[in-house]
Amino acid sequence: MLNTEPDKKRKEMRRVERKYIVFYLRVFDGMSRKVLGHLVDISEQGIMMISDNPIEVNETSRLRMSLPAQLKDANEVLFTATSRWCKQDENPDFYLSGFFLHDLDAETESVIRRLINEFGYVD
């Protein structure tokens, strides 16, 4: 089920500014090596991903994200996220999805914070 709520309203609901990452990071199903999509932006509370297929809204999943080699000490991060919305991209071949991150352990929070601080930028 796609949620086509307007972008403006969604941005107003967001409490934490998301940052774009200078790398094209893959997001996998946490239980397999199946690529679900690629990271578009990230905050300590959520991510937006672009994918070839729509993502079911309100589903909680374990996700795995590859990390840039420049982020020493880790090559991927595993986390729990719940999909909040999904809509077709401006390019109709792709879909954008927003996820809320939760139940993060201290190490995962630290890796995400480093990713944001070292490789993030605001558009």
Protein backbone atom coordinates (compact mmCIF):
# COMPACT_ATOMS: atom_id res chain seq x y z
CA MET A 1 0.00 0.00 0.00
CA LEU A 2 1.50 3.32 -1.07
CA ASN A 3 1.11 6.40 1.07
CA THR A 4 1.15 9.44 -1.18
CA GLU A 5 1.04 12.08 1.55
CA PRO A 6 2.54 15.37 0.33
CA ASP A 7 6.28 15.89 0.84
CA LYS A 8 5.73 19.23 2.59
CA LYS A 9 3.55 17.70 5.29
CA ARG A 10 6.02 14.85 5.80
CA LYS A 11 8.92 17.33 6.20
CA GLU A 12 6.91 19.32 8.74
CA MET A 13 6.35 16.13 10.77
CA ARG A 14 10.10 15.35 10.80
CA ARG A 15 11.74 16.49 14.02
CA VAL A 16 15.36 15.77 13.06
CA GLU A 17 17.03 17.11 9.93
CA ARG A 18 18.17 14.35 7.61
CA LYS A 19 21.47 14.52 5.76
CA TYR A 20 22.39 13.18 2.38
CA ILE A 21 25.41 10.89 2.30
CA VAL A 22 28.12 11.36 -0.33
CA PHE A 23 28.13 7.58 -1.00
CA TYR A 24 25.57 5.37 -2.72
CA LEU A 25 25.01 2.88 0.12
CA ARG A 26 23.07 -0.34 -0.40
CA VAL A 27 20.32 -1.41 2.00
CA PHE A 28 19.72 -5.15 2.30
CA ASP A 29 17.09 -7.32 3.92
CA GLY A 30 18.81 -8.04 7.23
CA MET A 31 18.14 -11.76 7.03
CA SER A 32 19.45 -12.27 3.48
CA ARG A 33 21.70 -10.64 0.92
CA LYS A 34 18.70 -9.34 -1.07
CA VAL A 35 19.20 -5.67 -1.99
CA LEU A 36 16.07 -3.69 -1.07
CA GLY A 37 17.34 -0.31 -2.25
CA HIS A 38 19.86 2.45 -1.72
CA LEU A 39 20.13 5.11 0.96
CA VAL A 40 18.99 8.60 -0.04
CA ASP A 41 19.28 10.38 3.31
CA ILE A 42 19.66 9.60 6.99
CA SER A 43 19.21 10.96 10.52
CA GLU A 44 19.71 9.33 13.89
CA GLN A 45 16.00 8.47 13.82
CA GLY A 46 15.28 7.53 10.22
CA ILE A 47 16.32 6.90 6.66
CA MET A 48 14.89 7.44 3.20
CA MET A 49 15.61 4.78 0.64
CA ILE A 50 15.10 4.54 -3.13
CA SER A 51 14.15 1.16 -4.56
CA ASP A 52 12.97 -0.61 -7.70
CA ASN A 53 9.87 -1.93 -5.94
CA PRO A 54 7.38 -0.41 -3.50
CA ILE A 55 7.91 -1.10 0.21
CA GLU A 56 4.98 -2.21 2.34
CA VAL A 57 4.01 0.55 4.79
CA ASN A 58 4.02 -0.06 8.58
CA GLU A 59 6.17 -3.20 8.39
CA THR A 60 9.04 -3.64 10.81
CA SER A 61 12.18 -5.25 9.39
CA ARG A 62 15.79 -5.97 10.20
CA LEU A 63 17.85 -4.08 7.64
CA ARG A 64 21.54 -4.21 6.85
CA MET A 65 23.34 -1.27 5.26
CA SER A 66 26.76 -1.38 3.68
CA LEU A 67 29.12 1.35 4.87
CA PRO A 68 31.83 3.24 3.00
CA ALA A 69 35.37 1.85 3.34
CA GLN A 70 36.44 5.26 4.67
CA LEU A 71 34.34 4.61 7.80
CA LYS A 72 36.91 2.49 9.57
CA ASP A 73 35.97 -0.17 12.14
CA ALA A 74 32.77 -1.31 10.38
CA ASN A 75 31.76 -2.39 6.88
CA GLU A 76 28.03 -2.70 7.54
CA VAL A 77 25.44 -1.90 10.16
CA LEU A 78 22.36 -3.96 11.13
CA PHE A 79 19.28 -2.21 12.53
CA THR A 80 15.53 -2.47 13.05
CA ALA A 81 13.32 -0.07 11.10
CA THR A 82 9.62 0.41 10.44
CA SER A 83 8.45 1.70 7.07
CA ARG A 84 6.31 4.82 7.51
CA TRP A 85 5.53 5.78 3.92
CA CYS A 86 6.22 4.84 0.31
CA LYS A 87 5.60 6.79 -2.89
CA GLN A 88 6.57 6.61 -6.51
CA ASP A 89 9.63 8.71 -7.33
CA GLU A 90 9.63 11.46 -9.99
CA ASN A 91 11.18 8.76 -12.16
CA PRO A 92 8.29 6.26 -12.30
CA ASP A 93 10.73 3.32 -12.39
CA PHE A 94 11.63 3.90 -8.71
CA TYR A 95 10.01 4.27 -5.29
CA LEU A 96 10.99 6.36 -2.26
CA SER A 97 10.35 5.00 1.25
CA GLY A 98 10.78 6.48 4.70
CA PHE A 99 11.79 4.37 7.70
CA PHE A 100 11.83 5.04 11.44
CA LEU A 101 14.86 3.50 13.18
CA HIS A 102 14.30 1.97 16.60
CA ASP A 103 15.79 -0.40 19.18
CA LEU A 104 19.31 0.72 18.23
CA ASP A 105 22.13 -0.43 20.47
CA ALA A 106 24.87 2.01 21.47
CA GLU A 107 27.34 0.70 18.87
CA THR A 108 24.82 1.06 16.01
CA GLU A 109 23.91 4.58 17.15
CA SER A 110 27.59 5.47 17.19
CA VAL A 111 28.17 4.13 13.66
CA ILE A 112 25.14 6.01 12.32
CA ARG A 113 26.23 9.22 14.07
CA ARG A 114 29.74 8.89 12.57
CA LEU A 115 28.29 8.23 9.12
CA ILE A 116 26.17 11.39 9.38
CA ASN A 117 28.96 13.57 10.82
CA GLU A 118 31.76 12.42 8.54
CA PHE A 119 29.93 11.90 5.23
CA GLY A 120 26.62 13.78 5.50
CA TYR A 121 25.62 17.06 3.91
CA VAL A 122 22.43 19.11 3.71
CA ASP A 123 21.10 19.79 0.21
